[in-house]
PDB file of all heavy atoms in Angstrom:
ATOM      1  N   ALA A   1     -20.691 -22.013 -16.633  1.00  0.00           N
ATOM      2  CA  ALA A   1     -21.388 -21.310 -17.706  1.00  0.00           C
ATOM      3  C   ALA A   1     -22.258 -20.183 -17.155  1.00  0.00           C
ATOM      4  O   ALA A   1     -22.304 -19.076 -17.709  1.00  0.00           O
ATOM      5  CB  ALA A   1     -22.235 -22.291 -18.507  1.00  0.00           C
ATOM      6  N   GLN A   2     -22.964 -20.464 -16.063  1.00  0.00           N
ATOM      7  CA  GLN A   2     -23.837 -19.460 -15.473  1.00  0.00           C
ATOM      8  C   GLN A   2     -23.044 -18.243 -15.011  1.00  0.00           C
ATOM      9  O   GLN A   2     -23.433 -17.102 -15.245  1.00  0.00           O
ATOM     10  CB  GLN A   2     -24.588 -20.075 -14.288  1.00  0.00           C
ATOM     11  CG  GLN A   2     -25.778 -19.270 -13.788  1.00  0.00           C
ATOM     12  CD  GLN A   2     -26.978 -19.403 -14.714  1.00  0.00           C
ATOM     13  OE1 GLN A   2     -26.925 -20.097 -15.720  1.00  0.00           O
ATOM     14  NE2 GLN A   2     -28.063 -18.725 -14.369  1.00  0.00           N
ATOM     15  N   THR A   3     -21.916 -18.489 -14.383  1.00  0.00           N
ATOM     16  CA  THR A   3     -21.124 -17.396 -13.823  1.00  0.00           C
ATOM     17  C   THR A   3     -20.363 -16.649 -14.906  1.00  0.00           C
ATOM     18  O   THR A   3     -20.156 -15.436 -14.796  1.00  0.00           O
ATOM     19  CB  THR A   3     -20.131 -17.948 -12.782  1.00  0.00           C
ATOM     20  OG1 THR A   3     -20.841 -18.745 -11.829  1.00  0.00           O
ATOM     21  CG2 THR A   3     -19.421 -16.822 -12.044  1.00  0.00           C
ATOM     22  N   SER A   4     -19.974 -17.353 -15.953  1.00  0.00           N
ATOM     23  CA  SER A   4     -19.083 -16.758 -16.953  1.00  0.00           C
ATOM     24  C   SER A   4     -19.820 -16.005 -18.044  1.00  0.00           C
ATOM     25  O   SER A   4     -19.315 -14.982 -18.531  1.00  0.00           O
ATOM     26  CB  SER A   4     -18.209 -17.849 -17.588  1.00  0.00           C
ATOM     27  OG  SER A   4     -17.435 -18.507 -16.608  1.00  0.00           O
ATOM     28  N   TRP A   5     -21.028 -16.498 -18.470  1.00  0.00           N
ATOM     29  CA  TRP A   5     -21.683 -15.795 -19.570  1.00  0.00           C
ATOM     30  C   TRP A   5     -23.209 -15.892 -19.580  1.00  0.00           C
ATOM     31  O   TRP A   5     -23.874 -14.969 -20.045  1.00  0.00           O
ATOM     32  CB  TRP A   5     -21.136 -16.258 -20.918  1.00  0.00           C
ATOM     33  CG  TRP A   5     -21.463 -17.680 -21.300  1.00  0.00           C
ATOM     34  CD1 TRP A   5     -22.608 -18.124 -21.903  1.00  0.00           C
ATOM     35  CD2 TRP A   5     -20.625 -18.818 -21.125  1.00  0.00           C
ATOM     36  NE1 TRP A   5     -22.542 -19.489 -22.099  1.00  0.00           N
ATOM     37  CE2 TRP A   5     -21.330 -19.934 -21.642  1.00  0.00           C
ATOM     38  CE3 TRP A   5     -19.358 -19.019 -20.586  1.00  0.00           C
ATOM     39  CZ2 TRP A   5     -20.805 -21.222 -21.619  1.00  0.00           C
ATOM     40  CZ3 TRP A   5     -18.841 -20.294 -20.575  1.00  0.00           C
ATOM     41  CH2 TRP A   5     -19.550 -21.381 -21.085  1.00  0.00           C
ATOM     42  N   ARG A   6     -23.803 -16.947 -19.035  1.00  0.00           N
ATOM     43  CA  ARG A   6     -25.254 -17.077 -19.168  1.00  0.00           C
ATOM     44  C   ARG A   6     -26.018 -16.061 -18.337  1.00  0.00           C
ATOM     45  O   ARG A   6     -27.015 -15.493 -18.794  1.00  0.00           O
ATOM     46  CB  ARG A   6     -25.677 -18.496 -18.791  1.00  0.00           C
ATOM     47  CG  ARG A   6     -25.327 -19.529 -19.836  1.00  0.00           C
ATOM     48  CD  ARG A   6     -25.808 -20.898 -19.437  1.00  0.00           C
ATOM     49  NE  ARG A   6     -25.445 -21.903 -20.446  1.00  0.00           N
ATOM     50  CZ  ARG A   6     -25.525 -23.215 -20.244  1.00  0.00           C
ATOM     51  NH1 ARG A   6     -25.953 -23.686 -19.070  1.00  0.00           N
ATOM     52  NH2 ARG A   6     -25.175 -24.043 -21.202  1.00  0.00           N
ATOM     53  N   ASN A   7     -25.611 -15.857 -17.098  1.00  0.00           N
ATOM     54  CA  ASN A   7     -26.243 -14.867 -16.240  1.00  0.00           C
ATOM     55  C   ASN A   7     -25.544 -13.527 -16.482  1.00  0.00           C
ATOM     56  O   ASN A   7     -24.356 -13.375 -16.241  1.00  0.00           O
ATOM     57  CB  ASN A   7     -26.098 -15.301 -14.776  1.00  0.00           C
ATOM     58  CG  ASN A   7     -26.798 -14.350 -13.818  1.00  0.00           C
ATOM     59  OD1 ASN A   7     -26.505 -13.170 -13.772  1.00  0.00           O
ATOM     60  ND2 ASN A   7     -27.720 -14.895 -13.033  1.00  0.00           N
ATOM     61  N   ARG A   8     -26.291 -12.545 -16.992  1.00  0.00           N
ATOM     62  CA  ARG A   8     -25.682 -11.277 -17.392  1.00  0.00           C
ATOM     63  C   ARG A   8     -25.042 -10.553 -16.208  1.00  0.00           C
ATOM     64  O   ARG A   8     -23.991  -9.918 -16.352  1.00  0.00           O
ATOM     65  CB  ARG A   8     -26.737 -10.377 -18.055  1.00  0.00           C
ATOM     66  CG  ARG A   8     -27.072 -10.795 -19.471  1.00  0.00           C
ATOM     67  CD  ARG A   8     -28.284 -10.021 -19.994  1.00  0.00           C
ATOM     68  NE  ARG A   8     -28.098  -8.579 -19.963  1.00  0.00           N
ATOM     69  CZ  ARG A   8     -27.469  -7.870 -20.905  1.00  0.00           C
ATOM     70  NH1 ARG A   8     -26.953  -8.492 -21.966  1.00  0.00           N
ATOM     71  NH2 ARG A   8     -27.362  -6.566 -20.806  1.00  0.00           N
ATOM     72  N   THR A   9     -25.653 -10.650 -15.060  1.00  0.00           N
ATOM     73  CA  THR A   9     -25.090  -9.979 -13.890  1.00  0.00           C
ATOM     74  C   THR A   9     -23.774 -10.627 -13.480  1.00  0.00           C
ATOM     75  O   THR A   9     -22.785  -9.933 -13.188  1.00  0.00           O
ATOM     76  CB  THR A   9     -26.087 -10.008 -12.727  1.00  0.00           C
ATOM     77  OG1 THR A   9     -27.219  -9.203 -13.073  1.00  0.00           O
ATOM     78  CG2 THR A   9     -25.465  -9.468 -11.442  1.00  0.00           C
ATOM     79  N   LEU A  10     -23.751 -11.956 -13.455  1.00  0.00           N
ATOM     80  CA  LEU A  10     -22.515 -12.648 -13.107  1.00  0.00           C
ATOM     81  C   LEU A  10     -21.443 -12.423 -14.164  1.00  0.00           C
ATOM     82  O   LEU A  10     -20.252 -12.288 -13.836  1.00  0.00           O
ATOM     83  CB  LEU A  10     -22.783 -14.137 -12.918  1.00  0.00           C
ATOM     84  CG  LEU A  10     -23.622 -14.497 -11.675  1.00  0.00           C
ATOM     85  CD1 LEU A  10     -23.954 -15.994 -11.668  1.00  0.00           C
ATOM     86  CD2 LEU A  10     -22.897 -14.113 -10.398  1.00  0.00           C
ATOM     87  N   PHE A  11     -21.829 -12.372 -15.437  1.00  0.00           N
ATOM     88  CA  PHE A  11     -20.861 -12.044 -16.492  1.00  0.00           C
ATOM     89  C   PHE A  11     -20.286 -10.646 -16.288  1.00  0.00           C
ATOM     90  O   PHE A  11     -19.074 -10.433 -16.371  1.00  0.00           O
ATOM     91  CB  PHE A  11     -21.520 -12.133 -17.871  1.00  0.00           C
ATOM     92  CG  PHE A  11     -20.744 -11.405 -18.945  1.00  0.00           C
ATOM     93  CD1 PHE A  11     -19.575 -11.933 -19.460  1.00  0.00           C
ATOM     94  CD2 PHE A  11     -21.177 -10.161 -19.411  1.00  0.00           C
ATOM     95  CE1 PHE A  11     -18.847 -11.251 -20.430  1.00  0.00           C
ATOM     96  CE2 PHE A  11     -20.454  -9.475 -20.379  1.00  0.00           C
ATOM     97  CZ  PHE A  11     -19.286 -10.018 -20.884  1.00  0.00           C
ATOM     98  N   GLY A  12     -21.173  -9.669 -16.031  1.00  0.00           N
ATOM     99  CA  GLY A  12     -20.705  -8.300 -15.821  1.00  0.00           C
ATOM    100  C   GLY A  12     -19.750  -8.196 -14.656  1.00  0.00           C
ATOM    101  O   GLY A  12     -18.732  -7.489 -14.723  1.00  0.00           O
ATOM    102  N   ALA A  13     -20.048  -8.923 -13.578  1.00  0.00           N
ATOM    103  CA  ALA A  13     -19.165  -8.919 -12.415  1.00  0.00           C
ATOM    104  C   ALA A  13     -17.839  -9.595 -12.738  1.00  0.00           C
ATOM    105  O   ALA A  13     -16.766  -9.124 -12.323  1.00  0.00           O
ATOM    106  CB  ALA A  13     -19.843  -9.613 -11.236  1.00  0.00           C
ATOM    107  N   SER A  14     -17.869 -10.694 -13.482  1.00  0.00           N
ATOM    108  CA  SER A  14     -16.647 -11.438 -13.778  1.00  0.00           C
ATOM    109  C   SER A  14     -15.689 -10.630 -14.646  1.00  0.00           C
ATOM    110  O   SER A  14     -14.475 -10.593 -14.388  1.00  0.00           O
ATOM    111  CB  SER A  14     -16.986 -12.771 -14.457  1.00  0.00           C
ATOM    112  OG  SER A  14     -17.698 -13.622 -13.566  1.00  0.00           O
ATOM    113  N   GLN A  15     -16.214  -9.958 -15.672  1.00  0.00           N
ATOM    114  CA  GLN A  15     -15.307  -9.180 -16.533  1.00  0.00           C
ATOM    115  C   GLN A  15     -14.767  -7.970 -15.772  1.00  0.00           C
ATOM    116  O   GLN A  15     -13.595  -7.605 -15.944  1.00  0.00           O
ATOM    117  CB  GLN A  15     -16.006  -8.787 -17.844  1.00  0.00           C
ATOM    118  CG  GLN A  15     -17.183  -7.839 -17.724  1.00  0.00           C
ATOM    119  CD  GLN A  15     -16.780  -6.385 -17.619  1.00  0.00           C
ATOM    120  OE1 GLN A  15     -15.750  -5.963 -18.130  1.00  0.00           O
ATOM    121  NE2 GLN A  15     -17.591  -5.599 -16.917  1.00  0.00           N
ATOM    122  N   ALA A  16     -15.581  -7.354 -14.922  1.00  0.00           N
ATOM    123  CA  ALA A  16     -15.082  -6.223 -14.136  1.00  0.00           C
ATOM    124  C   ALA A  16     -14.029  -6.682 -13.132  1.00  0.00           C
ATOM    125  O   ALA A  16     -13.027  -5.988 -12.902  1.00  0.00           O
ATOM    126  CB  ALA A  16     -16.240  -5.531 -13.409  1.00  0.00           C
ATOM    127  N   GLY A  17     -14.244  -7.852 -12.543  1.00  0.00           N
ATOM    128  CA  GLY A  17     -13.245  -8.384 -11.624  1.00  0.00           C
ATOM    129  C   GLY A  17     -11.927  -8.663 -12.319  1.00  0.00           C
ATOM    130  O   GLY A  17     -10.847  -8.386 -11.766  1.00  0.00           O
ATOM    131  N   LEU A  18     -11.996  -9.195 -13.537  1.00  0.00           N
ATOM    132  CA  LEU A  18     -10.765  -9.465 -14.300  1.00  0.00           C
ATOM    133  C   LEU A  18      -9.972  -8.175 -14.533  1.00  0.00           C
ATOM    134  O   LEU A  18      -8.764  -8.120 -14.293  1.00  0.00           O
ATOM    135  CB  LEU A  18     -11.114 -10.136 -15.628  1.00  0.00           C
ATOM    136  CG  LEU A  18      -9.947 -10.632 -16.490  1.00  0.00           C
ATOM    137  CD1 LEU A  18     -10.392 -11.813 -17.352  1.00  0.00           C
ATOM    138  CD2 LEU A  18      -9.373  -9.539 -17.397  1.00  0.00           C
ATOM    139  N   VAL A  19     -10.658  -7.130 -14.984  1.00  0.00           N
ATOM    140  CA  VAL A  19      -9.963  -5.876 -15.271  1.00  0.00           C
ATOM    141  C   VAL A  19      -9.481  -5.222 -13.981  1.00  0.00           C
ATOM    142  O   VAL A  19      -8.400  -4.622 -13.935  1.00  0.00           O
ATOM    143  CB  VAL A  19     -10.866  -4.932 -16.079  1.00  0.00           C
ATOM    144  CG1 VAL A  19     -10.206  -3.570 -16.276  1.00  0.00           C
ATOM    145  CG2 VAL A  19     -11.199  -5.552 -17.437  1.00  0.00           C
ATOM    146  N   ASN A  20     -10.260  -5.348 -12.906  1.00  0.00           N
ATOM    147  CA  ASN A  20      -9.828  -4.807 -11.614  1.00  0.00           C
ATOM    148  C   ASN A  20      -8.475  -5.400 -11.209  1.00  0.00           C
ATOM    149  O   ASN A  20      -7.557  -4.682 -10.795  1.00  0.00           O
ATOM    150  CB  ASN A  20     -10.880  -5.115 -10.554  1.00  0.00           C
ATOM    151  CG  ASN A  20     -10.581  -4.473  -9.223  1.00  0.00           C
ATOM    152  OD1 ASN A  20     -11.139  -3.450  -8.854  1.00  0.00           O
ATOM    153  ND2 ASN A  20      -9.690  -5.077  -8.443  1.00  0.00           N
ATOM    154  N   ASN A  21      -8.342  -6.715 -11.320  1.00  0.00           N
ATOM    155  CA  ASN A  21      -7.083  -7.340 -10.915  1.00  0.00           C
ATOM    156  C   ASN A  21      -5.997  -7.220 -11.972  1.00  0.00           C
ATOM    157  O   ASN A  21      -4.809  -7.330 -11.648  1.00  0.00           O
ATOM    158  CB  ASN A  21      -7.316  -8.800 -10.521  1.00  0.00           C
ATOM    159  CG  ASN A  21      -7.783  -8.898  -9.083  1.00  0.00           C
ATOM    160  OD1 ASN A  21      -8.303  -7.933  -8.518  1.00  0.00           O
ATOM    161  ND2 ASN A  21      -7.607 -10.054  -8.478  1.00  0.00           N
ATOM    162  N   LEU A  22      -6.366  -6.968 -13.222  1.00  0.00           N
ATOM    163  CA  LEU A  22      -5.372  -6.566 -14.207  1.00  0.00           C
ATOM    164  C   LEU A  22      -4.682  -5.287 -13.727  1.00  0.00           C
ATOM    165  O   LEU A  22      -3.449  -5.159 -13.785  1.00  0.00           O
ATOM    166  CB  LEU A  22      -6.049  -6.342 -15.558  1.00  0.00           C
ATOM    167  CG  LEU A  22      -5.182  -5.914 -16.750  1.00  0.00           C
ATOM    168  CD1 LEU A  22      -5.829  -6.394 -18.055  1.00  0.00           C
ATOM    169  CD2 LEU A  22      -5.013  -4.397 -16.833  1.00  0.00           C
ATOM    170  N   ASN A  23      -5.490  -4.344 -13.231  1.00  0.00           N
ATOM    171  CA  ASN A  23      -4.925  -3.098 -12.705  1.00  0.00           C
ATOM    172  C   ASN A  23      -4.068  -3.346 -11.468  1.00  0.00           C
ATOM    173  O   ASN A  23      -3.020  -2.714 -11.288  1.00  0.00           O
ATOM    174  CB  ASN A  23      -6.048  -2.125 -12.364  1.00  0.00           C
ATOM    175  CG  ASN A  23      -6.803  -1.666 -13.587  1.00  0.00           C
ATOM    176  OD1 ASN A  23      -6.311  -1.752 -14.706  1.00  0.00           O
ATOM    177  ND2 ASN A  23      -8.019  -1.181 -13.380  1.00  0.00           N
ATOM    178  N   ASP A  24      -4.509  -4.267 -10.616  1.00  0.00           N
ATOM    179  CA  ASP A  24      -3.718  -4.578  -9.427  1.00  0.00           C
ATOM    180  C   ASP A  24      -2.387  -5.198  -9.820  1.00  0.00           C
ATOM    181  O   ASP A  24      -1.337  -4.869  -9.254  1.00  0.00           O
ATOM    182  CB  ASP A  24      -4.513  -5.524  -8.519  1.00  0.00           C
ATOM    183  CG  ASP A  24      -3.845  -5.717  -7.166  1.00  0.00           C
ATOM    184  OD1 ASP A  24      -3.135  -4.800  -6.705  1.00  0.00           O
ATOM    185  OD2 ASP A  24      -4.033  -6.794  -6.565  1.00  0.00           O
ATOM    186  N   GLY A  25      -2.408  -6.099 -10.795  1.00  0.00           N
ATOM    187  CA  GLY A  25      -1.165  -6.693 -11.269  1.00  0.00           C
ATOM    188  C   GLY A  25      -0.246  -5.656 -11.898  1.00  0.00           C
ATOM    189  O   GLY A  25       0.978  -5.696 -11.725  1.00  0.00           O
ATOM    190  N   LEU A  26      -0.832  -4.696 -12.617  1.00  0.00           N
ATOM    191  CA  LEU A  26      -0.052  -3.612 -13.200  1.00  0.00           C
ATOM    192  C   LEU A  26       0.616  -2.785 -12.094  1.00  0.00           C
ATOM    193  O   LEU A  26       1.797  -2.442 -12.171  1.00  0.00           O
ATOM    194  CB  LEU A  26      -0.969  -2.731 -14.042  1.00  0.00           C
ATOM    195  CG  LEU A  26      -0.327  -1.849 -15.105  1.00  0.00           C
ATOM    196  CD1 LEU A  26       0.101  -2.696 -16.291  1.00  0.00           C
ATOM    197  CD2 LEU A  26      -1.314  -0.778 -15.556  1.00  0.00           C
ATOM    198  N   SER A  27      -0.159  -2.472 -11.060  1.00  0.00           N
ATOM    199  CA  SER A  27       0.396  -1.732  -9.932  1.00  0.00           C
ATOM    200  C   SER A  27       1.519  -2.511  -9.264  1.00  0.00           C
ATOM    201  O   SER A  27       2.538  -1.939  -8.859  1.00  0.00           O
ATOM    202  CB  SER A  27      -0.717  -1.444  -8.911  1.00  0.00           C
ATOM    203  OG  SER A  27      -0.194  -0.964  -7.699  1.00  0.00           O
ATOM    204  N   TRP A  28       1.340  -3.810  -9.156  1.00  0.00           N
ATOM    205  CA  TRP A  28       2.296  -4.687  -8.493  1.00  0.00           C
ATOM    206  C   TRP A  28       3.625  -4.749  -9.249  1.00  0.00           C
ATOM    207  O   TRP A  28       4.695  -4.569  -8.677  1.00  0.00           O
ATOM    208  CB  TRP A  28       1.655  -6.062  -8.391  1.00  0.00           C
ATOM    209  CG  TRP A  28       2.370  -7.133  -7.661  1.00  0.00           C
ATOM    210  CD1 TRP A  28       3.623  -7.095  -7.128  1.00  0.00           C
ATOM    211  CD2 TRP A  28       1.843  -8.427  -7.366  1.00  0.00           C
ATOM    212  NE1 TRP A  28       3.918  -8.301  -6.535  1.00  0.00           N
ATOM    213  CE2 TRP A  28       2.841  -9.127  -6.658  1.00  0.00           C
ATOM    214  CE3 TRP A  28       0.635  -9.064  -7.634  1.00  0.00           C
ATOM    215  CZ2 TRP A  28       2.649 -10.440  -6.223  1.00  0.00           C
ATOM    216  CZ3 TRP A  28       0.446 -10.360  -7.200  1.00  0.00           C
ATOM    217  CH2 TRP A  28       1.449 -11.036  -6.502  1.00  0.00           C
ATOM    218  N   GLY A  29       3.550  -4.981 -10.569  1.00  0.00           N
ATOM    219  CA  GLY A  29       4.768  -5.221 -11.329  1.00  0.00           C
ATOM    220  C   GLY A  29       5.332  -4.009 -12.026  1.00  0.00           C
ATOM    221  O   GLY A  29       6.553  -3.792 -12.038  1.00  0.00           O
ATOM    222  N   VAL A  30       4.462  -3.184 -12.613  1.00  0.00           N
ATOM    223  CA  VAL A  30       4.924  -2.094 -13.461  1.00  0.00           C
ATOM    224  C   VAL A  30       5.286  -0.854 -12.654  1.00  0.00           C
ATOM    225  O   VAL A  30       6.330  -0.227 -12.896  1.00  0.00           O
ATOM    226  CB  VAL A  30       3.854  -1.741 -14.516  1.00  0.00           C
ATOM    227  CG1 VAL A  30       4.225  -0.468 -15.269  1.00  0.00           C
ATOM    228  CG2 VAL A  30       3.674  -2.899 -15.489  1.00  0.00           C
ATOM    229  N   LEU A  31       4.432  -0.470 -11.706  1.00  0.00           N
ATOM    230  CA  LEU A  31       4.638   0.825 -11.053  1.00  0.00           C
ATOM    231  C   LEU A  31       5.959   0.926 -10.291  1.00  0.00           C
ATOM    232  O   LEU A  31       6.611   1.987 -10.359  1.00  0.00           O
ATOM    233  CB  LEU A  31       3.442   1.149 -10.140  1.00  0.00           C
ATOM    234  CG  LEU A  31       2.100   1.358 -10.851  1.00  0.00           C
ATOM    235  CD1 LEU A  31       1.067   1.911  -9.888  1.00  0.00           C
ATOM    236  CD2 LEU A  31       2.228   2.261 -12.073  1.00  0.00           C
TER     237      LEU A  31
END
């Protein structure tokens, strides 16, 4: 809970990390 949404900094890092690797997966499969 702390990492996913309660701590705003950890939440901000987690959502940015998700989108970062979404882009990596896109590069991996789509490009």
